[in-house]
Amino acid sequence: MSYATLIRQIESGDVLGFVEARALGAALLDGGVPELETAAFMVAFNQHDPRLDAWLGLHAALAERLPEFSAPAGLYRTVVLPAYHGVRSHPHLTPLLALLLKSFGIPVLIHGVLEGGGGTAAAYVLRELGIMPCGTTAQVNAGLRDVGIAFAPVALLSPGLASLLALRGRLGIDGCMTQLAALADVLGERSVRVTPVLSREEIVSTQAVLQALGGHALLLQGCEGEAFADPLLRPDRVLVQDGQALQVYEAQSTVSAPVNLPAVDARGTGAWIDALMRDHLPLPLPIRNQLAVCLHAAGYTEDLNQARAITAISGFGRAAA
């Protein structure tokens, strides 16, 4: 494999095939590409979307290197929430979504980075709520089975992916490797992947990848790229199940009625989430809508309207009472 040739191929807009992309992904994730060339690949992918076959190849390379996380047996699929950006202008509400799902008895796996790149990472808020990163695969599986929630840092998910994401920060770019992490199918058929994108323009291409991969996923323009909806402005949301896609919400053009949102720092957000869960305070409408879609996708209800009705009553399950 000539790295220089592949870099020129990507930079010229030529599409990598599945086999080429899989081999390249394997080399990148295994640390087999020199740092200079790795940086060049990341810049090239940041400027040119890899396209469907290349995405599937990169995804296959990552899938072969994931640990053996196990979704708990039970009635419901586990919801998987990636957390790879950190937020600067909003409170980080991925932990809120996770705890709301857990209150309905839906297991939740969060995977992501331990730092926010100058913003507030989900890991910071989770720590305020007493949810610490797991150190082993066994701890992840036990957390999902016994507690109903677990946080897997990216270094546990894939040391190679963690190294590539660290280089992302040094290069000052975002894109391909972050999106690859968000697409990771860490639990297979027994899960629902919440897959955020940074911009509305990325939805069509990412939807094509999710449909080709199969399984169950909720695709949305995440708040600052994270896996929760903007609490004041509802984004597009597409539910992908077994290769079929259904738009369940269209983007909202007007701001939702505001709730008493916390400050954006981790301590303030954690305290607000704790009080909200304890006292059943009103939920931001976009978060409540997202909760409803996740409940339906996880198998809690037979149809989405039923999930909407349940969450409209209070938005909290029995475990939160």
C-alpha atoms as a PDB file:
ATOM      1  CA  MET A   1       0.000   0.000   0.000  1.00  0.00           C
ATOM      2  CA  SER A   2       1.492   3.323  -1.093  1.00  0.00           C
ATOM      3  CA  TYR A   3       0.382   5.944   1.415  1.00  0.00           C
ATOM      4  CA  ALA A   4       1.402   8.805  -0.873  1.00  0.00           C
ATOM      5  CA  THR A   5      -0.722   7.387  -3.696  1.00  0.00           C
ATOM      6  CA  LEU A   6      -3.741   6.941  -1.421  1.00  0.00           C
ATOM      7  CA  ILE A   7      -3.377  10.460  -0.026  1.00  0.00           C
ATOM      8  CA  ARG A   8      -3.281  11.910  -3.557  1.00  0.00           C
ATOM      9  CA  GLN A   9      -6.282   9.756  -4.479  1.00  0.00           C
ATOM     10  CA  ILE A  10      -8.357  11.094  -1.582  1.00  0.00           C
ATOM     11  CA  GLU A  11      -7.240  14.687  -2.160  1.00  0.00           C
ATOM     12  CA  SER A  12      -8.228  14.488  -5.832  1.00  0.00           C
ATOM     13  CA  GLY A  13     -11.725  13.353  -4.884  1.00  0.00           C
ATOM     14  CA  ASP A  14     -11.334   9.781  -6.138  1.00  0.00           C
ATOM     15  CA  VAL A  15     -13.385   7.326  -4.100  1.00  0.00           C
ATOM     16  CA  LEU A  16     -11.665   4.610  -2.094  1.00  0.00           C
ATOM     17  CA  GLY A  17     -13.173   1.160  -2.466  1.00  0.00           C
ATOM     18  CA  PHE A  18     -14.265  -0.988   0.470  1.00  0.00           C
ATOM     19  CA  VAL A  19     -11.143  -3.171   0.428  1.00  0.00           C
ATOM     20  CA  GLU A  20      -8.752  -0.223   0.177  1.00  0.00           C
ATOM     21  CA  ALA A  21     -10.514   1.675   2.963  1.00  0.00           C
ATOM     22  CA  ARG A  22     -10.633  -1.389   5.209  1.00  0.00           C
ATOM     23  CA  ALA A  23      -6.904  -1.989   4.794  1.00  0.00           C
ATOM     24  CA  LEU A  24      -6.142   1.694   5.368  1.00  0.00           C
ATOM     25  CA  GLY A  25      -8.400   1.803   8.434  1.00  0.00           C
ATOM     26  CA  ALA A  26      -6.669  -1.255   9.866  1.00  0.00           C
ATOM     27  CA  ALA A  27      -3.241   0.316   9.372  1.00  0.00           C
ATOM     28  CA  LEU A  28      -4.329   3.607  10.943  1.00  0.00           C
ATOM     29  CA  LEU A  29      -5.988   1.940  13.938  1.00  0.00           C
ATOM     30  CA  ASP A  30      -3.029  -0.395  14.508  1.00  0.00           C
ATOM     31  CA  GLY A  31      -0.528   2.470  14.483  1.00  0.00           C
ATOM     32  CA  GLY A  32       1.107   1.167  11.337  1.00  0.00           C
ATOM     33  CA  VAL A  33       1.081   4.482   9.467  1.00  0.00           C
ATOM     34  CA  PRO A  34       3.792   7.068  10.264  1.00  0.00           C
ATOM     35  CA  GLU A  35       2.493  10.132  12.090  1.00  0.00           C
ATOM     36  CA  LEU A  36       3.092  12.545   9.213  1.00  0.00           C
ATOM     37  CA  GLU A  37       1.137  10.376   6.770  1.00  0.00           C
ATOM     38  CA  THR A  38      -1.576   9.754   9.384  1.00  0.00           C
ATOM     39  CA  ALA A  39      -2.032  13.503   9.733  1.00  0.00           C
ATOM     40  CA  ALA A  40      -2.187  13.846   5.941  1.00  0.00           C
ATOM     41  CA  PHE A  41      -4.905  11.192   5.737  1.00  0.00           C
ATOM     42  CA  MET A  42      -6.943  12.924   8.423  1.00  0.00           C
ATOM     43  CA  VAL A  43      -6.665  16.298   6.676  1.00  0.00           C
ATOM     44  CA  ALA A  44      -7.602  14.723   3.341  1.00  0.00           C
ATOM     45  CA  PHE A  45     -10.636  12.951   4.813  1.00  0.00           C
ATOM     46  CA  ASN A  46     -11.628  16.176   6.527  1.00  0.00           C
ATOM     47  CA  GLN A  47     -11.731  17.919   3.137  1.00  0.00           C
ATOM     48  CA  HIS A  48     -13.333  15.099   1.113  1.00  0.00           C
ATOM     49  CA  ASP A  49     -16.134  12.862   2.384  1.00  0.00           C
ATOM     50  CA  PRO A  50     -14.990   9.218   2.122  1.00  0.00           C
ATOM     51  CA  ARG A  51     -18.284   8.146   0.428  1.00  0.00           C
ATOM     52  CA  LEU A  52     -20.288   5.024   1.180  1.00  0.00           C
ATOM     53  CA  ASP A  53     -17.906   2.177   0.270  1.00  0.00           C
ATOM     54  CA  ALA A  54     -15.007   3.840   2.075  1.00  0.00           C
ATOM     55  CA  TRP A  55     -17.118   4.481   5.166  1.00  0.00           C
ATOM     56  CA  LEU A  56     -18.141   0.828   5.210  1.00  0.00           C
ATOM     57  CA  GLY A  57     -14.498  -0.233   4.866  1.00  0.00           C
ATOM     58  CA  LEU A  58     -13.343   2.023   7.698  1.00  0.00           C
ATOM     59  CA  HIS A  59     -16.258   0.845   9.835  1.00  0.00           C
ATOM     60  CA  ALA A  60     -15.350  -2.797   9.188  1.00  0.00           C
ATOM     61  CA  ALA A  61     -11.750  -2.171  10.254  1.00  0.00           C
ATOM     62  CA  LEU A  62     -12.927  -0.608  13.522  1.00  0.00           C
ATOM     63  CA  ALA A  63     -15.525  -3.336  14.138  1.00  0.00           C
ATOM     64  CA  GLU A  64     -12.797  -5.992  13.995  1.00  0.00           C
ATOM     65  CA  ARG A  65     -10.955  -4.243  16.823  1.00  0.00           C
ATOM     66  CA  LEU A  66     -13.787  -3.519  19.252  1.00  0.00           C
ATOM     67  CA  PRO A  67     -13.926  -5.277  22.627  1.00  0.00           C
ATOM     68  CA  GLU A  68     -16.616  -7.836  23.440  1.00  0.00           C
ATOM     69  CA  PHE A  69     -19.143  -5.586  25.105  1.00  0.00           C
ATOM     70  CA  SER A  70     -22.424  -7.413  25.777  1.00  0.00           C
ATOM     71  CA  ALA A  71     -25.905  -5.925  25.735  1.00  0.00           C
ATOM     72  CA  PRO A  72     -27.932  -7.159  28.713  1.00  0.00           C
ATOM     73  CA  ALA A  73     -30.568  -9.790  28.111  1.00  0.00           C
ATOM     74  CA  GLY A  74     -34.071  -8.420  28.511  1.00  0.00           C
ATOM     75  CA  LEU A  75     -37.008  -6.901  26.744  1.00  0.00           C
ATOM     76  CA  TYR A  76     -35.286  -3.744  25.517  1.00  0.00           C
ATOM     77  CA  ARG A  77     -32.377  -2.880  23.292  1.00  0.00           C
ATOM     78  CA  THR A  78     -29.503  -0.971  24.862  1.00  0.00           C
ATOM     79  CA  VAL A  79     -29.217   2.656  23.730  1.00  0.00           C
ATOM     80  CA  VAL A  80     -25.659   3.654  22.770  1.00  0.00           C
ATOM     81  CA  LEU A  81     -24.669   7.314  23.107  1.00  0.00           C
ATOM     82  CA  PRO A  82     -21.339   8.549  21.661  1.00  0.00           C
ATOM     83  CA  ALA A  83     -19.701  11.575  23.317  1.00  0.00           C
ATOM     84  CA  TYR A  84     -16.733  12.869  21.323  1.00  0.00           C
ATOM     85  CA  HIS A  85     -16.924  16.659  21.114  1.00  0.00           C
ATOM     86  CA  GLY A  86     -17.569  18.604  24.285  1.00  0.00           C
ATOM     87  CA  VAL A  87     -19.867  21.627  24.287  1.00  0.00           C
ATOM     88  CA  ARG A  88     -19.183  25.318  24.788  1.00  0.00           C
ATOM     89  CA  SER A  89     -22.495  27.128  24.319  1.00  0.00           C
ATOM     90  CA  HIS A  90     -24.946  24.661  25.867  1.00  0.00           C
ATOM     91  CA  PRO A  91     -25.171  22.481  28.972  1.00  0.00           C
ATOM     92  CA  HIS A  92     -24.084  18.938  28.141  1.00  0.00           C
ATOM     93  CA  LEU A  93     -27.314  16.923  28.300  1.00  0.00           C
ATOM     94  CA  THR A  94     -26.140  13.513  27.076  1.00  0.00           C
ATOM     95  CA  PRO A  95     -26.038  12.368  30.749  1.00  0.00           C
ATOM     96  CA  LEU A  96     -29.618  13.616  31.208  1.00  0.00           C
ATOM     97  CA  LEU A  97     -30.832  11.581  28.228  1.00  0.00           C
ATOM     98  CA  ALA A  98     -28.996   8.546  29.591  1.00  0.00           C
ATOM     99  CA  LEU A  99     -30.578   8.829  33.045  1.00  0.00           C
ATOM    100  CA  LEU A 100     -34.042   9.391  31.581  1.00  0.00           C
ATOM    101  CA  LEU A 101     -33.713   6.192  29.536  1.00  0.00           C
ATOM    102  CA  LYS A 102     -32.400   4.318  32.559  1.00  0.00           C
ATOM    103  CA  SER A 103     -35.464   5.441  34.527  1.00  0.00           C
ATOM    104  CA  PHE A 104     -37.590   3.480  32.035  1.00  0.00           C
ATOM    105  CA  GLY A 105     -35.418   0.390  32.461  1.00  0.00           C
ATOM    106  CA  ILE A 106     -33.533   0.929  29.179  1.00  0.00           C
ATOM    107  CA  PRO A 107     -29.816   0.047  29.516  1.00  0.00           C
ATOM    108  CA  VAL A 108     -27.489   2.807  28.291  1.00  0.00           C
ATOM    109  CA  LEU A 109     -23.876   2.641  27.139  1.00  0.00           C
ATOM    110  CA  ILE A 110     -22.018   5.935  26.725  1.00  0.00           C
ATOM    111  CA  HIS A 111     -18.647   5.865  24.985  1.00  0.00           C
ATOM    112  CA  GLY A 112     -16.365   8.796  24.319  1.00  0.00           C
ATOM    113  CA  VAL A 113     -13.475  11.005  25.278  1.00  0.00           C
ATOM    114  CA  LEU A 114     -12.436  11.964  28.791  1.00  0.00           C
ATOM    115  CA  GLU A 115     -11.802  15.632  27.978  1.00  0.00           C
ATOM    116  CA  GLY A 116     -13.727  18.300  26.152  1.00  0.00           C
ATOM    117  CA  GLY A 117     -11.046  20.068  24.115  1.00  0.00           C
ATOM    118  CA  GLY A 118     -11.705  23.352  25.920  1.00  0.00           C
ATOM    119  CA  GLY A 119     -15.440  22.670  26.295  1.00  0.00           C
ATOM    120  CA  THR A 120     -17.478  20.578  28.711  1.00  0.00           C
ATOM    121  CA  ALA A 121     -17.199  16.851  28.034  1.00  0.00           C
ATOM    122  CA  ALA A 122     -19.930  14.386  28.904  1.00  0.00           C
ATOM    123  CA  ALA A 123     -17.323  12.679  31.111  1.00  0.00           C
ATOM    124  CA  TYR A 124     -17.138  15.781  33.336  1.00  0.00           C
ATOM    125  CA  VAL A 125     -20.904  15.832  33.916  1.00  0.00           C
ATOM    126  CA  LEU A 126     -21.066  12.069  34.413  1.00  0.00           C
ATOM    127  CA  ARG A 127     -18.422  12.377  37.121  1.00  0.00           C
ATOM    128  CA  GLU A 128     -20.565  14.975  38.906  1.00  0.00           C
ATOM    129  CA  LEU A 129     -23.406  12.447  38.829  1.00  0.00           C
ATOM    130  CA  GLY A 130     -21.258   9.659  40.252  1.00  0.00           C
ATOM    131  CA  ILE A 131     -20.849   7.768  36.964  1.00  0.00           C
ATOM    132  CA  MET A 132     -17.174   7.026  36.478  1.00  0.00           C
ATOM    133  CA  PRO A 133     -15.412   5.672  33.382  1.00  0.00           C
ATOM    134  CA  CYS A 134     -14.985   1.902  33.269  1.00  0.00           C
ATOM    135  CA  GLY A 135     -11.491   0.469  33.127  1.00  0.00           C
ATOM    136  CA  THR A 136     -12.221  -2.970  31.671  1.00  0.00           C
ATOM    137  CA  THR A 137     -14.666  -4.684  29.364  1.00  0.00           C
ATOM    138  CA  ALA A 138     -15.924  -6.697  32.340  1.00  0.00           C
ATOM    139  CA  GLN A 139     -16.763  -3.481  34.194  1.00  0.00           C
ATOM    140  CA  VAL A 140     -18.745  -2.201  31.193  1.00  0.00           C
ATOM    141  CA  ASN A 141     -20.730  -5.422  30.925  1.00  0.00           C
ATOM    142  CA  ALA A 142     -21.371  -5.512  34.678  1.00  0.00           C
ATOM    143  CA  GLY A 143     -22.484  -1.877  34.698  1.00  0.00           C
ATOM    144  CA  LEU A 144     -24.952  -2.480  31.885  1.00  0.00           C
ATOM    145  CA  ARG A 145     -26.255  -5.671  33.477  1.00  0.00           C
ATOM    146  CA  ASP A 146     -26.391  -4.652  37.141  1.00  0.00           C
ATOM    147  CA  VAL A 147     -26.776  -0.860  37.136  1.00  0.00           C
ATOM    148  CA  GLY A 148     -28.253  -0.183  33.708  1.00  0.00           C
ATOM    149  CA  ILE A 149     -25.630   2.360  32.660  1.00  0.00           C
ATOM    150  CA  ALA A 150     -21.917   2.339  31.828  1.00  0.00           C
ATOM    151  CA  PHE A 151     -19.371   4.780  30.428  1.00  0.00           C
ATOM    152  CA  ALA A 152     -16.599   3.330  28.247  1.00  0.00           C
ATOM    153  CA  PRO A 153     -13.728   5.739  27.477  1.00  0.00           C
ATOM    154  CA  VAL A 154     -12.503   5.606  23.902  1.00  0.00           C
ATOM    155  CA  ALA A 155      -9.150   4.147  24.983  1.00  0.00           C
ATOM    156  CA  LEU A 156     -11.057   1.066  26.180  1.00  0.00           C
ATOM    157  CA  LEU A 157     -13.185   0.978  23.049  1.00  0.00           C
ATOM    158  CA  SER A 158     -10.163   1.206  20.744  1.00  0.00           C
ATOM    159  CA  PRO A 159      -6.669   2.400  21.722  1.00  0.00           C
ATOM    160  CA  GLY A 160      -5.931   3.093  18.056  1.00  0.00           C
ATOM    161  CA  LEU A 161      -9.023   5.252  17.667  1.00  0.00           C
ATOM    162  CA  ALA A 162      -8.074   7.115  20.857  1.00  0.00           C
ATOM    163  CA  SER A 163      -4.664   7.927  19.353  1.00  0.00           C
ATOM    164  CA  LEU A 164      -6.242   9.198  16.135  1.00  0.00           C
ATOM    165  CA  LEU A 165      -8.652  11.398  18.090  1.00  0.00           C
ATOM    166  CA  ALA A 166      -5.771  12.803  20.125  1.00  0.00           C
ATOM    167  CA  LEU A 167      -4.058  13.753  16.854  1.00  0.00           C
ATOM    168  CA  ARG A 168      -7.321  15.398  15.790  1.00  0.00           C
ATOM    169  CA  GLY A 169      -6.877  17.910  18.614  1.00  0.00           C
ATOM    170  CA  ARG A 170      -3.283  18.673  17.643  1.00  0.00           C
ATOM    171  CA  LEU A 171      -4.289  19.272  14.025  1.00  0.00           C
ATOM    172  CA  GLY A 172      -7.215  21.478  14.992  1.00  0.00           C
ATOM    173  CA  ILE A 173      -9.611  19.608  12.714  1.00  0.00           C
ATOM    174  CA  ASP A 174     -12.660  17.440  13.187  1.00  0.00           C
ATOM    175  CA  GLY A 175     -14.414  15.096  10.864  1.00  0.00           C
ATOM    176  CA  CYS A 176     -13.762  11.563   9.685  1.00  0.00           C
ATOM    177  CA  MET A 177     -12.396   9.865  12.802  1.00  0.00           C
ATOM    178  CA  THR A 178     -14.923  11.542  15.081  1.00  0.00           C
ATOM    179  CA  GLN A 179     -17.725  10.417  12.782  1.00  0.00           C
ATOM    180  CA  LEU A 180     -16.270   6.917  12.626  1.00  0.00           C
ATOM    181  CA  ALA A 181     -16.390   6.797  16.425  1.00  0.00           C
ATOM    182  CA  ALA A 182     -20.031   7.932  16.388  1.00  0.00           C
ATOM    183  CA  LEU A 183     -20.884   5.185  13.864  1.00  0.00           C
ATOM    184  CA  ALA A 184     -19.207   2.414  15.869  1.00  0.00           C
ATOM    185  CA  ASP A 185     -21.537  -0.541  16.342  1.00  0.00           C
ATOM    186  CA  VAL A 186     -20.339  -1.567  19.785  1.00  0.00           C
ATOM    187  CA  LEU A 187     -23.262  -3.813  20.784  1.00  0.00           C
ATOM    188  CA  GLY A 188     -24.738  -5.130  17.536  1.00  0.00           C
ATOM    189  CA  GLU A 189     -28.372  -6.037  16.966  1.00  0.00           C
ATOM    190  CA  ARG A 190     -29.310  -5.690  20.643  1.00  0.00           C
ATOM    191  CA  SER A 191     -28.720  -1.953  20.554  1.00  0.00           C
ATOM    192  CA  VAL A 192     -29.896   1.394  19.207  1.00  0.00           C
ATOM    193  CA  ARG A 193     -27.085   3.719  18.146  1.00  0.00           C
ATOM    194  CA  VAL A 194     -27.771   7.420  18.546  1.00  0.00           C
ATOM    195  CA  THR A 195     -25.660   8.886  15.740  1.00  0.00           C
ATOM    196  CA  PRO A 196     -25.112  12.653  15.792  1.00  0.00           C
ATOM    197  CA  VAL A 197     -23.726  14.755  12.964  1.00  0.00           C
ATOM    198  CA  LEU A 198     -22.353  18.277  13.185  1.00  0.00           C
ATOM    199  CA  SER A 199     -24.403  19.821  10.386  1.00  0.00           C
ATOM    200  CA  ARG A 200     -27.707  19.195   8.651  1.00  0.00           C
ATOM    201  CA  GLU A 201     -25.838  18.707   5.358  1.00  0.00           C
ATOM    202  CA  GLU A 202     -24.222  15.516   6.720  1.00  0.00           C
ATOM    203  CA  ILE A 203     -27.525  13.770   7.393  1.00  0.00           C
ATOM    204  CA  VAL A 204     -28.079  12.361   3.884  1.00  0.00           C
ATOM    205  CA  SER A 205     -24.626  10.759   3.560  1.00  0.00           C
ATOM    206  CA  THR A 206     -24.650   9.418   7.123  1.00  0.00           C
ATOM    207  CA  GLN A 207     -28.150   8.021   6.629  1.00  0.00           C
ATOM    208  CA  ALA A 208     -26.879   6.058   3.630  1.00  0.00           C
ATOM    209  CA  VAL A 209     -24.096   4.551   5.757  1.00  0.00           C
ATOM    210  CA  LEU A 210     -26.503   3.584   8.555  1.00  0.00           C
ATOM    211  CA  GLN A 211     -28.936   2.010   6.105  1.00  0.00           C
ATOM    212  CA  ALA A 212     -26.120  -0.030   4.568  1.00  0.00           C
ATOM    213  CA  LEU A 213     -24.906  -1.156   8.003  1.00  0.00           C
ATOM    214  CA  GLY A 214     -28.364  -2.274   9.134  1.00  0.00           C
ATOM    215  CA  GLY A 215     -29.478  -2.535  12.739  1.00  0.00           C
ATOM    216  CA  HIS A 216     -31.182   0.246  14.660  1.00  0.00           C
ATOM    217  CA  ALA A 217     -30.052   3.869  14.849  1.00  0.00           C
ATOM    218  CA  LEU A 218     -31.357   7.359  15.518  1.00  0.00           C
ATOM    219  CA  LEU A 219     -29.684   9.968  13.318  1.00  0.00           C
ATOM    220  CA  LEU A 220     -29.838  13.657  14.225  1.00  0.00           C
ATOM    221  CA  GLN A 221     -27.958  16.915  14.017  1.00  0.00           C
ATOM    222  CA  GLY A 222     -26.513  16.810  17.500  1.00  0.00           C
ATOM    223  CA  CYS A 223     -26.154  19.818  19.745  1.00  0.00           C
ATOM    224  CA  GLU A 224     -22.588  20.968  18.985  1.00  0.00           C
ATOM    225  CA  GLY A 225     -22.070  17.518  17.480  1.00  0.00           C
ATOM    226  CA  GLU A 226     -23.069  15.608  20.605  1.00  0.00           C
ATOM    227  CA  ALA A 227     -25.746  12.915  20.895  1.00  0.00           C
ATOM    228  CA  PHE A 228     -28.491  15.084  22.394  1.00  0.00           C
ATOM    229  CA  ALA A 229     -30.876  17.465  20.665  1.00  0.00           C
ATOM    230  CA  ASP A 230     -30.475  21.211  21.048  1.00  0.00           C
ATOM    231  CA  PRO A 231     -32.712  21.870  24.081  1.00  0.00           C
ATOM    232  CA  LEU A 232     -34.172  24.995  22.456  1.00  0.00           C
ATOM    233  CA  LEU A 233     -34.326  24.126  18.759  1.00  0.00           C
ATOM    234  CA  ARG A 234     -35.548  20.732  17.550  1.00  0.00           C
ATOM    235  CA  PRO A 235     -33.334  19.190  14.842  1.00  0.00           C
ATOM    236  CA  ASP A 236     -34.191  16.754  12.051  1.00  0.00           C
ATOM    237  CA  ARG A 237     -34.392  13.201  13.341  1.00  0.00           C
ATOM    238  CA  VAL A 238     -34.305  10.042  11.238  1.00  0.00           C
ATOM    239  CA  LEU A 239     -34.980   6.567  12.632  1.00  0.00           C
ATOM    240  CA  VAL A 240     -33.113   3.838  10.749  1.00  0.00           C
ATOM    241  CA  GLN A 241     -34.228   0.262  11.347  1.00  0.00           C
ATOM    242  CA  ASP A 242     -33.151  -2.792   9.356  1.00  0.00           C
ATOM    243  CA  GLY A 243     -32.082  -0.755   6.349  1.00  0.00           C
ATOM    244  CA  GLN A 244     -35.202   1.421   6.242  1.00  0.00           C
ATOM    245  CA  ALA A 245     -35.228   5.116   7.178  1.00  0.00           C
ATOM    246  CA  LEU A 246     -38.118   7.171   8.513  1.00  0.00           C
ATOM    247  CA  GLN A 247     -37.981  10.886   9.315  1.00  0.00           C
ATOM    248  CA  VAL A 248     -39.699  11.103  12.692  1.00  0.00           C
ATOM    249  CA  TYR A 249     -39.182  14.837  13.299  1.00  0.00           C
ATOM    250  CA  GLU A 250     -38.419  17.703  10.965  1.00  0.00           C
ATOM    251  CA  ALA A 251     -36.178  20.552  12.033  1.00  0.00           C
ATOM    252  CA  GLN A 252     -37.930  23.287  13.953  1.00  0.00           C
ATOM    253  CA  SER A 253     -37.498  26.846  12.693  1.00  0.00           C
ATOM    254  CA  THR A 254     -38.613  28.606  15.884  1.00  0.00           C
ATOM    255  CA  VAL A 255     -37.105  28.331  19.341  1.00  0.00           C
ATOM    256  CA  SER A 256     -38.946  26.113  21.823  1.00  0.00           C
ATOM    257  CA  ALA A 257     -40.374  27.521  25.002  1.00  0.00           C
ATOM    258  CA  PRO A 258     -37.296  27.766  27.233  1.00  0.00           C
ATOM    259  CA  VAL A 259     -36.905  25.860  30.462  1.00  0.00           C
ATOM    260  CA  ASN A 260     -34.658  26.856  33.319  1.00  0.00           C
ATOM    261  CA  LEU A 261     -31.441  25.536  31.782  1.00  0.00           C
ATOM    262  CA  PRO A 262     -28.290  25.427  33.914  1.00  0.00           C
ATOM    263  CA  ALA A 263     -24.933  27.065  33.386  1.00  0.00           C
ATOM    264  CA  VAL A 264     -22.711  25.264  30.885  1.00  0.00           C
ATOM    265  CA  ASP A 265     -20.090  24.153  33.423  1.00  0.00           C
ATOM    266  CA  ALA A 266     -20.050  20.517  34.528  1.00  0.00           C
ATOM    267  CA  ARG A 267     -20.843  21.162  38.185  1.00  0.00           C
ATOM    268  CA  GLY A 268     -23.853  23.348  37.419  1.00  0.00           C
ATOM    269  CA  THR A 269     -25.131  20.942  34.769  1.00  0.00           C
ATOM    270  CA  GLY A 270     -24.702  17.936  37.039  1.00  0.00           C
ATOM    271  CA  ALA A 271     -26.552  19.611  39.910  1.00  0.00           C
ATOM    272  CA  TRP A 272     -29.381  20.636  37.569  1.00  0.00           C
ATOM    273  CA  ILE A 273     -29.729  17.117  36.146  1.00  0.00           C
ATOM    274  CA  ASP A 274     -29.753  15.653  39.664  1.00  0.00           C
ATOM    275  CA  ALA A 275     -32.511  18.045  40.777  1.00  0.00           C
ATOM    276  CA  LEU A 276     -34.486  17.495  37.578  1.00  0.00           C
ATOM    277  CA  MET A 277     -34.434  13.712  37.974  1.00  0.00           C
ATOM    278  CA  ARG A 278     -35.195  13.868  41.698  1.00  0.00           C
ATOM    279  CA  ASP A 279     -38.058  16.386  41.506  1.00  0.00           C
ATOM    280  CA  HIS A 280     -39.411  15.538  38.019  1.00  0.00           C
ATOM    281  CA  LEU A 281     -38.915  19.072  36.770  1.00  0.00           C
ATOM    282  CA  PRO A 282     -40.091  19.988  33.237  1.00  0.00           C
ATOM    283  CA  LEU A 283     -37.935  18.648  30.416  1.00  0.00           C
ATOM    284  CA  PRO A 284     -36.859  20.682  27.386  1.00  0.00           C
ATOM    285  CA  LEU A 285     -39.291  19.651  24.642  1.00  0.00           C
ATOM    286  CA  PRO A 286     -36.594  18.585  22.112  1.00  0.00           C
ATOM    287  CA  ILE A 287     -35.063  16.289  24.764  1.00  0.00           C
ATOM    288  CA  ARG A 288     -38.480  14.829  25.576  1.00  0.00           C
ATOM    289  CA  ASN A 289     -39.069  14.194  21.873  1.00  0.00           C
ATOM    290  CA  GLN A 290     -35.699  12.473  21.560  1.00  0.00           C
ATOM    291  CA  LEU A 291     -36.475  10.359  24.605  1.00  0.00           C
ATOM    292  CA  ALA A 292     -39.718   9.220  22.968  1.00  0.00           C
ATOM    293  CA  VAL A 293     -37.937   8.104  19.778  1.00  0.00           C
ATOM    294  CA  CYS A 294     -35.295   6.248  21.790  1.00  0.00           C
ATOM    295  CA  LEU A 295     -37.958   4.461  23.855  1.00  0.00           C
ATOM    296  CA  HIS A 296     -39.732   3.319  20.708  1.00  0.00           C
ATOM    297  CA  ALA A 297     -36.500   2.247  18.975  1.00  0.00           C
ATOM    298  CA  ALA A 298     -35.419   0.325  22.081  1.00  0.00           C
ATOM    299  CA  GLY A 299     -38.676  -1.655  22.025  1.00  0.00           C
ATOM    300  CA  TYR A 300     -40.363  -0.026  25.002  1.00  0.00           C
ATOM    301  CA  THR A 301     -43.443   0.785  22.886  1.00  0.00           C
ATOM    302  CA  GLU A 302     -44.878  -0.718  19.714  1.00  0.00           C
ATOM    303  CA  ASP A 303     -45.287   2.626  17.986  1.00  0.00           C
ATOM    304  CA  LEU A 304     -43.875   6.120  18.268  1.00  0.00           C
ATOM    305  CA  ASN A 305     -47.173   7.784  19.123  1.00  0.00           C
ATOM    306  CA  GLN A 306     -47.446   5.621  22.224  1.00  0.00           C
ATOM    307  CA  ALA A 307     -43.942   6.677  23.284  1.00  0.00           C
ATOM    308  CA  ARG A 308     -44.835  10.329  22.685  1.00  0.00           C
ATOM    309  CA  ALA A 309     -47.923   9.957  24.865  1.00  0.00           C
ATOM    310  CA  ILE A 310     -45.939   8.327  27.677  1.00  0.00           C
ATOM    311  CA  THR A 311     -43.249  10.995  27.706  1.00  0.00           C
ATOM    312  CA  ALA A 312     -45.827  13.805  27.429  1.00  0.00           C
ATOM    313  CA  ILE A 313     -47.269  12.774  30.797  1.00  0.00           C
ATOM    314  CA  SER A 314     -44.052  13.273  32.742  1.00  0.00           C
ATOM    315  CA  GLY A 315     -41.031  12.105  30.752  1.00  0.00           C
ATOM    316  CA  PHE A 316     -39.839   9.947  33.628  1.00  0.00           C
ATOM    317  CA  GLY A 317     -40.029   6.201  34.166  1.00  0.00           C
ATOM    318  CA  ARG A 318     -40.774   4.274  37.319  1.00  0.00           C
ATOM    319  CA  ALA A 319     -37.154   4.086  38.412  1.00  0.00           C
ATOM    320  CA  ALA A 320     -37.105   7.879  38.726  1.00  0.00           C
ATOM    321  CA  ALA A 321     -40.091   7.951  41.067  1.00  0.00           C
END
